[in-house]
Amino acid sequence: MSVVSYICDFKLIFMEEEKIRVGITQGDVNGIGYEVILKTLMEPESYESFIPIIYGSPKAAAYHRKALNIQNMSLNAIHVPEEAHPRRINIITCGDDNIHVEPGKSTEQAGQAAFDALQVAVSDLKEGRIDVLVTAPINKKNIQSDRFHFPGHTEYLQQEAGQGQALMLLVSDNLRVGVVAGHLPIKDVPAYITKERILEKLRILDATLKRDFTIRRPRIAVLGLNPHAGDNGLLGQEEIDIIQPAIEAANAENIYAMGPYAADGVFGTDAAFRFDAVLAMYHDQGLAPFKALAFNTGVNFTAGLPFVRTSPDHGTAYDIACQDKADPSSMRAAINLAIDIYRSRRLNDELTSNPIVTHVERERERNA
């Protein structure tokens, strides 16, 4: 069999395989989580390519469905993912289903329910009982407890994966923005930014762009920490002493990183769109411009994990909870991206594990 025939046959088998099992956590039941989930899944055609499995509370789901006046939608109650119906919206009860929904309010019970759903879903994800995980927004304050003591999903998933670091990566159709310092107080950012941490994030970013987004030789823009990227030391030394050495070390590892660039220049022009990804130094430096440019379609992807997790790029939005005002576009994009990344990983891993195909890819790389 020729290499071309092998690849074509594999792609055909790949496209005909079983539907992908998408686990969806309910998030904070007093926010817009259920609204964007239910709106995304309103029509059966919306989940023809995957099996939706909601982790949460049937009672809370019913409350939001009634508040939104969604007709002709029923949820299939199951106990484990293996019971999921391939053409139904499935739901697994997590924790105590006797929950009191209070739209727009932050409550301890809502925080507990959010964690119950997350814990069960992540356990199933790690065991391979679902293929990907999409998380609805949580309230990072009310979810805190002896069981959850993290600043967000990213850090919790990082621990559950049993590895040192992951990368918060915001993704839209034409823009990808990662951050070195994620959920960290701004006063702690300068001390957190080290050459080693930047290099580690660049390694993760380069690897995920290749494996998860099928970009052969990614081009990464690295931002400075200070205004104007330090103005050659006038406004700070971090660019000279830390960021530039990290970029040079990355280049030595064949990671095509450039910079450091001034953040306002990159996002204020079309420069951000000319790179495959941008690495910002801290949360708001990257997320504020990203959300200004792609709020409705942006997705938060946790790169560097052995499993796939995405989420909408918005929060609980208590101010519009149960008012039928929430836009489900970001949730829909989060599900689609999770499926795309899962398929890309499987295809990439299969191709690179086959010596014949790997040889062809190497030859193409040499001739590129």
Protein backbone atom coordinates (compact mmCIF):
# COMPACT_ATOMS: atom_id res chain seq x y z
CA MET A 1 0.00 0.00 0.00
CA SER A 2 1.34 3.45 -0.91
CA VAL A 3 1.79 6.16 1.69
CA VAL A 4 -0.93 8.24 0.03
CA SER A 5 -3.34 5.30 0.13
CA TYR A 6 -2.50 4.67 3.78
CA ILE A 7 -3.23 8.27 4.75
CA CYS A 8 -6.46 8.35 2.75
CA ASP A 9 -7.64 5.04 4.24
CA PHE A 10 -6.80 6.23 7.75
CA LYS A 11 -8.67 9.52 7.28
CA LEU A 12 -11.70 7.62 5.98
CA ILE A 13 -11.71 5.31 9.00
CA PHE A 14 -11.12 8.29 11.28
CA MET A 15 -14.13 10.17 9.92
CA GLU A 16 -16.38 7.12 10.31
CA GLU A 17 -15.47 6.32 13.91
CA GLU A 18 -17.84 6.57 16.84
CA LYS A 19 -19.12 9.95 17.95
CA ILE A 20 -16.92 11.85 20.37
CA ARG A 21 -18.23 11.89 23.96
CA VAL A 22 -18.25 15.50 25.13
CA GLY A 23 -18.53 16.01 28.88
CA ILE A 24 -19.99 19.40 29.86
CA THR A 25 -19.92 20.62 33.46
CA GLN A 26 -22.77 22.81 34.67
CA GLY A 27 -20.63 25.49 36.30
CA ASP A 28 -22.39 27.86 38.70
CA VAL A 29 -26.12 27.11 38.55
CA ASN A 30 -26.95 30.72 39.46
CA GLY A 31 -25.12 32.10 36.43
CA ILE A 32 -25.55 31.65 32.68
CA GLY A 33 -23.95 28.21 32.45
CA TYR A 34 -27.11 26.25 31.83
CA GLU A 35 -28.48 28.94 29.54
CA VAL A 36 -25.54 28.73 27.14
CA ILE A 37 -25.43 24.93 27.38
CA LEU A 38 -29.13 24.48 26.62
CA LYS A 39 -29.15 27.09 23.86
CA THR A 40 -26.18 25.36 22.23
CA LEU A 41 -27.96 22.00 22.28
CA MET A 42 -31.49 23.19 21.44
CA GLU A 43 -31.59 21.54 18.03
CA PRO A 44 -30.70 17.84 17.56
CA GLU A 45 -28.64 18.82 14.51
CA SER A 46 -26.29 20.75 16.81
CA TYR A 47 -24.91 17.55 18.31
CA GLU A 48 -25.02 15.18 15.36
CA SER A 49 -21.23 14.82 15.47
CA PHE A 50 -20.87 14.20 19.20
CA ILE A 51 -22.60 12.80 22.27
CA PRO A 52 -23.34 15.50 24.87
CA ILE A 53 -23.06 14.42 28.51
CA ILE A 54 -23.89 17.12 31.04
CA TYR A 55 -22.48 16.76 34.54
CA GLY A 56 -24.69 18.54 37.02
CA SER A 57 -28.23 18.72 38.35
CA PRO A 58 -31.36 17.67 36.40
CA LYS A 59 -33.36 19.88 38.75
CA ALA A 60 -31.23 22.96 38.01
CA ALA A 61 -31.31 22.17 34.29
CA ALA A 62 -35.10 21.94 34.38
CA TYR A 63 -35.30 25.26 36.21
CA HIS A 64 -33.30 27.04 33.53
CA ARG A 65 -35.10 25.30 30.68
CA LYS A 66 -38.44 26.51 32.07
CA ALA A 67 -37.10 30.04 32.68
CA LEU A 68 -35.93 30.18 29.06
CA ASN A 69 -39.21 28.70 27.82
CA ILE A 70 -37.35 26.06 25.82
CA GLN A 71 -39.86 23.62 24.38
CA ASN A 72 -39.41 20.08 23.10
CA MET A 73 -36.17 19.39 24.94
CA SER A 74 -35.78 16.44 27.26
CA LEU A 75 -32.68 15.29 29.11
CA ASN A 76 -31.75 11.63 29.30
CA ALA A 77 -30.78 10.83 32.90
CA ILE A 78 -27.90 8.36 33.13
CA HIS A 79 -25.56 7.16 35.85
CA VAL A 80 -22.34 6.63 33.88
CA PRO A 81 -21.10 7.78 30.46
CA GLU A 82 -21.39 4.27 29.05
CA GLU A 83 -25.19 4.61 29.29
CA ALA A 84 -25.26 7.75 27.14
CA HIS A 85 -27.67 7.72 24.22
CA PRO A 86 -25.90 8.82 21.01
CA ARG A 87 -28.84 10.96 19.84
CA ARG A 88 -29.97 12.46 23.14
CA ILE A 89 -28.79 15.12 25.57
CA ASN A 90 -27.55 13.05 28.49
CA ILE A 91 -27.13 14.22 32.07
CA ILE A 92 -25.36 12.67 35.05
CA THR A 93 -26.46 13.77 38.53
CA CYS A 94 -23.49 14.96 40.58
CA GLY A 95 -23.81 15.52 44.31
CA ASP A 96 -27.11 16.48 45.91
CA ASP A 97 -29.75 17.25 43.27
CA ASN A 98 -31.90 19.06 45.83
CA ILE A 99 -30.36 22.37 44.87
CA HIS A 100 -31.98 25.77 45.22
CA VAL A 101 -31.36 27.92 42.15
CA GLU A 102 -31.05 31.64 42.93
CA PRO A 103 -30.29 33.47 39.67
CA GLY A 104 -27.67 36.17 39.96
CA LYS A 105 -26.54 35.24 43.47
CA SER A 106 -23.29 33.77 44.69
CA THR A 107 -24.10 31.00 47.16
CA GLU A 108 -22.11 28.33 48.96
CA GLN A 109 -24.47 25.64 47.66
CA ALA A 110 -23.88 26.73 44.05
CA GLY A 111 -20.13 26.56 44.61
CA GLN A 112 -20.39 23.05 46.05
CA ALA A 113 -22.56 21.93 43.14
CA ALA A 114 -20.08 23.36 40.63
CA PHE A 115 -17.23 21.42 42.21
CA ASP A 116 -19.25 18.19 42.49
CA ALA A 117 -19.87 18.30 38.74
CA LEU A 118 -16.26 19.16 37.95
CA GLN A 119 -14.86 16.41 40.15
CA VAL A 120 -16.98 13.66 38.63
CA ALA A 121 -16.37 14.87 35.08
CA VAL A 122 -12.59 15.09 35.51
CA SER A 123 -12.52 11.60 37.03
CA ASP A 124 -14.40 10.23 34.01
CA LEU A 125 -12.12 12.18 31.67
CA LYS A 126 -8.96 10.74 33.23
CA GLU A 127 -10.41 7.24 33.01
CA GLY A 128 -11.26 7.69 29.32
CA ARG A 129 -15.01 7.41 29.86
CA ILE A 130 -15.50 10.73 28.07
CA ASP A 131 -13.23 12.02 25.32
CA VAL A 132 -13.12 15.77 26.01
CA LEU A 133 -14.26 18.17 28.71
CA VAL A 134 -16.00 21.53 28.28
CA THR A 135 -16.52 23.51 31.48
CA ALA A 136 -19.21 26.12 32.03
CA PRO A 137 -18.15 29.17 34.10
CA ILE A 138 -17.62 28.88 37.85
CA ASN A 139 -17.50 31.53 40.55
CA LYS A 140 -13.88 31.34 41.68
CA LYS A 141 -14.82 32.57 45.17
CA ASN A 142 -17.80 30.42 46.17
CA ILE A 143 -16.24 27.21 44.85
CA GLN A 144 -13.39 27.47 47.35
CA SER A 145 -13.39 24.76 50.04
CA ASP A 146 -11.19 22.06 51.55
CA ARG A 147 -11.78 20.13 48.31
CA PHE A 148 -11.04 23.01 45.93
CA HIS A 149 -8.37 25.58 46.78
CA PHE A 150 -7.30 26.81 43.38
CA PRO A 151 -7.63 30.19 41.63
CA GLY A 152 -9.41 28.57 38.67
CA HIS A 153 -10.04 25.56 36.47
CA THR A 154 -6.56 25.66 34.93
CA GLU A 155 -4.69 25.12 38.18
CA TYR A 156 -7.06 22.40 39.35
CA LEU A 157 -6.76 20.50 36.07
CA GLN A 158 -3.00 20.92 36.16
CA GLN A 159 -2.89 19.13 39.52
CA GLU A 160 -5.34 16.45 38.41
CA ALA A 161 -3.14 15.74 35.40
CA GLY A 162 -0.20 15.25 37.74
CA GLN A 163 2.18 17.56 35.92
CA GLY A 164 4.11 20.73 36.62
CA GLN A 165 2.64 23.31 34.27
CA ALA A 166 -0.16 23.88 31.80
CA LEU A 167 -0.85 26.90 29.62
CA MET A 168 -3.96 29.06 29.54
CA LEU A 169 -4.51 29.64 25.82
CA LEU A 170 -7.31 31.82 24.47
CA VAL A 171 -8.35 30.80 20.97
CA SER A 172 -10.53 32.32 18.26
CA ASP A 173 -10.67 31.80 14.50
CA ASN A 174 -7.64 33.98 13.80
CA LEU A 175 -6.03 34.71 17.16
CA ARG A 176 -4.34 32.65 19.89
CA VAL A 177 -3.08 34.22 23.10
CA GLY A 178 -1.31 32.39 25.93
CA VAL A 179 -0.14 33.76 29.28
CA VAL A 180 2.89 33.07 31.45
CA ALA A 181 1.29 34.18 34.72
CA GLY A 182 -2.35 33.14 34.87
CA HIS A 183 -4.57 33.73 37.90
CA LEU A 184 -2.04 35.67 39.94
CA PRO A 185 -2.32 39.01 41.77
CA ILE A 186 -0.68 41.75 39.72
CA LYS A 187 1.69 42.60 42.59
CA ASP A 188 3.18 39.10 42.35
CA VAL A 189 3.67 39.08 38.58
CA PRO A 190 7.18 40.61 38.28
CA ALA A 191 8.73 38.07 40.66
CA TYR A 192 6.89 35.23 38.91
CA ILE A 193 8.27 36.10 35.47
CA THR A 194 11.51 34.16 35.10
CA LYS A 195 13.49 32.93 32.14
CA GLU A 196 12.69 29.33 33.04
CA ARG A 197 8.92 29.92 33.27
CA ILE A 198 8.81 31.78 29.96
CA LEU A 199 10.80 29.05 28.26
CA GLU A 200 8.53 26.38 29.73
CA LYS A 201 5.41 28.16 28.44
CA LEU A 202 7.02 28.59 25.01
CA ARG A 203 7.72 24.86 24.87
CA ILE A 204 4.11 24.05 25.72
CA LEU A 205 2.80 26.62 23.25
CA ASP A 206 5.04 25.41 20.42
CA ALA A 207 4.07 21.78 21.06
CA THR A 208 0.33 22.46 21.19
CA LEU A 209 0.42 24.55 18.01
CA LYS A 210 2.04 21.63 16.22
CA ARG A 211 0.05 18.76 17.69
CA ASP A 212 -3.33 20.33 18.41
CA PHE A 213 -3.53 22.94 15.64
CA THR A 214 -1.45 21.15 12.95
CA ILE A 215 0.87 24.11 12.36
CA ARG A 216 4.18 22.78 11.08
CA ARG A 217 6.48 25.63 12.17
CA PRO A 218 4.63 27.99 14.50
CA ARG A 219 5.60 31.65 14.74
CA ILE A 220 5.17 33.02 18.27
CA ALA A 221 5.20 36.68 19.30
CA VAL A 222 6.46 37.21 22.86
CA LEU A 223 5.32 40.34 24.68
CA GLY A 224 7.35 42.45 27.08
CA LEU A 225 6.37 42.98 30.69
CA ASN A 226 6.77 46.75 30.86
CA PRO A 227 5.21 49.56 28.79
CA HIS A 228 6.86 49.83 25.37
CA ALA A 229 8.64 46.53 26.16
CA GLY A 230 10.90 48.44 28.54
CA ASP A 231 12.17 51.04 26.03
CA ASN A 232 15.66 49.50 26.02
CA GLY A 233 15.86 49.50 29.81
CA LEU A 234 14.39 52.95 30.40
CA LEU A 235 11.14 51.53 31.81
CA GLY A 236 12.46 48.29 33.25
CA GLN A 237 15.12 45.62 32.84
CA GLU A 238 12.94 42.50 32.63
CA GLU A 239 12.94 42.50 28.83
CA ILE A 240 16.75 42.62 28.72
CA ASP A 241 17.58 40.38 31.68
CA ILE A 242 14.77 37.79 31.51
CA ILE A 243 12.52 37.80 28.45
CA GLN A 244 15.12 38.18 25.67
CA PRO A 245 17.33 35.39 27.12
CA ALA A 246 14.25 33.13 27.30
CA ILE A 247 13.50 33.85 23.63
CA GLU A 248 17.09 33.08 22.67
CA ALA A 249 16.98 29.82 24.61
CA ALA A 250 13.74 28.90 22.83
CA ASN A 251 15.30 29.68 19.45
CA ALA A 252 18.18 27.35 20.34
CA GLU A 253 15.55 24.61 20.74
CA ASN A 254 14.14 25.39 17.27
CA ILE A 255 11.14 27.21 18.71
CA TYR A 256 10.40 30.15 16.40
CA ALA A 257 9.75 32.84 19.04
CA MET A 258 10.27 36.56 18.44
CA GLY A 259 10.21 39.69 20.56
CA PRO A 260 9.86 41.02 23.13
CA TYR A 261 7.21 43.28 21.63
CA ALA A 262 5.16 46.06 23.20
CA ALA A 263 1.69 44.73 23.96
CA ASP A 264 -0.15 47.82 22.72
CA GLY A 265 1.69 47.70 19.41
CA VAL A 266 0.91 44.04 18.84
CA PHE A 267 -2.79 44.28 19.68
CA GLY A 268 -3.30 47.83 18.45
CA THR A 269 -2.34 46.84 14.91
CA ASP A 270 -2.81 43.67 12.89
CA ALA A 271 0.52 42.29 14.15
CA ALA A 272 -1.18 39.80 16.46
CA PHE A 273 -2.90 38.19 13.48
CA ARG A 274 0.36 37.72 11.60
CA PHE A 275 1.66 35.28 14.20
CA ASP A 276 0.36 31.80 15.00
CA ALA A 277 0.18 32.75 18.67
CA VAL A 278 1.05 35.51 21.12
CA LEU A 279 2.58 34.81 24.54
CA ALA A 280 1.63 37.51 27.05
CA MET A 281 3.39 37.89 30.38
CA TYR A 282 0.29 38.08 32.59
CA HIS A 283 -3.47 37.52 32.57
CA ASP A 284 -4.96 40.90 31.70
CA GLN A 285 -2.17 41.82 29.29
CA GLY A 286 -3.35 38.96 27.08
CA LEU A 287 -7.00 38.39 27.95
CA ALA A 288 -8.22 41.98 27.92
CA PRO A 289 -7.31 42.63 24.27
CA PHE A 290 -8.29 39.10 23.27
CA LYS A 291 -11.79 39.49 24.67
CA ALA A 292 -12.11 42.93 23.10
CA LEU A 293 -11.33 41.36 19.72
CA ALA A 294 -13.11 38.00 20.01
CA PHE A 295 -15.43 37.93 23.03
CA ASN A 296 -18.39 36.10 21.48
CA THR A 297 -16.36 33.41 19.75
CA GLY A 298 -13.34 33.09 22.03
CA VAL A 299 -12.47 29.86 23.80
CA ASN A 300 -10.25 29.12 26.78
CA PHE A 301 -8.15 26.02 26.07
CA THR A 302 -5.89 24.45 28.69
CA ALA A 303 -2.85 23.48 26.63
CA GLY A 304 -0.21 21.03 27.73
CA LEU A 305 -2.50 18.52 29.44
CA PRO A 306 -2.78 14.85 28.45
CA PHE A 307 -6.51 15.39 27.94
CA VAL A 308 -8.57 18.07 26.16
CA ARG A 309 -10.38 20.75 28.12
CA THR A 310 -11.98 23.95 26.82
CA SER A 311 -14.45 26.50 28.15
CA PRO A 312 -16.23 29.66 27.03
CA ASP A 313 -14.11 32.75 27.56
CA HIS A 314 -16.76 34.52 29.68
CA GLY A 315 -17.73 34.27 33.32
CA THR A 316 -20.92 33.50 35.24
CA ALA A 317 -22.55 36.81 34.19
CA TYR A 318 -24.84 36.98 37.22
CA ASP A 319 -26.24 40.29 35.99
CA ILE A 320 -28.07 38.62 33.08
CA ALA A 321 -28.76 35.18 34.58
CA CYS A 322 -32.14 33.70 33.60
CA GLN A 323 -32.98 36.70 31.39
CA ASP A 324 -32.50 34.98 28.02
CA LYS A 325 -29.73 37.44 27.18
CA ALA A 326 -26.70 35.16 27.17
CA ASP A 327 -25.02 34.48 23.83
CA PRO A 328 -24.16 30.77 23.44
CA SER A 329 -21.58 31.38 20.68
CA SER A 330 -18.57 30.95 22.96
CA MET A 331 -19.93 27.69 24.44
CA ARG A 332 -20.63 26.39 20.94
CA ALA A 333 -17.12 27.36 19.88
CA ALA A 334 -15.66 25.67 22.97
CA ILE A 335 -17.35 22.38 22.10
CA ASN A 336 -16.28 22.58 18.46
CA LEU A 337 -12.69 23.41 19.37
CA ALA A 338 -12.49 20.53 21.87
CA ILE A 339 -13.66 18.13 19.16
CA ASP A 340 -11.24 19.56 16.60
CA ILE A 341 -8.28 19.30 18.98
CA TYR A 342 -9.21 15.74 19.97
CA ARG A 343 -9.33 14.70 16.32
CA SER A 344 -6.14 16.57 15.50
CA ARG A 345 -4.28 14.83 18.33
CA ARG A 346 -5.46 11.40 17.26
CA LEU A 347 -4.54 11.99 13.65
CA ASN A 348 -1.17 13.51 14.53
CA ASP A 349 -0.31 10.71 16.93
CA GLU A 350 -1.29 8.06 14.42
CA LEU A 351 0.71 9.61 11.61
CA THR A 352 3.83 10.23 13.69
CA SER A 353 3.70 6.71 15.16
CA ASN A 354 3.76 5.15 11.67
CA PRO A 355 7.36 4.94 10.36
CA ILE A 356 6.35 5.21 6.69
CA VAL A 357 4.27 8.32 7.17
CA THR A 358 6.85 9.80 9.54
CA HIS A 359 9.52 9.39 6.86
CA VAL A 360 7.35 11.22 4.32
CA GLU A 361 6.71 14.05 6.79
CA ARG A 362 10.45 14.39 7.42
CA GLU A 363 11.12 14.59 3.70
CA ARG A 364 8.49 17.30 3.34
CA GLU A 365 10.07 19.21 6.25
CA ARG A 366 13.49 19.07 4.59
CA ASN A 367 12.04 20.36 1.31
CA ALA A 368 9.91 23.08 2.91
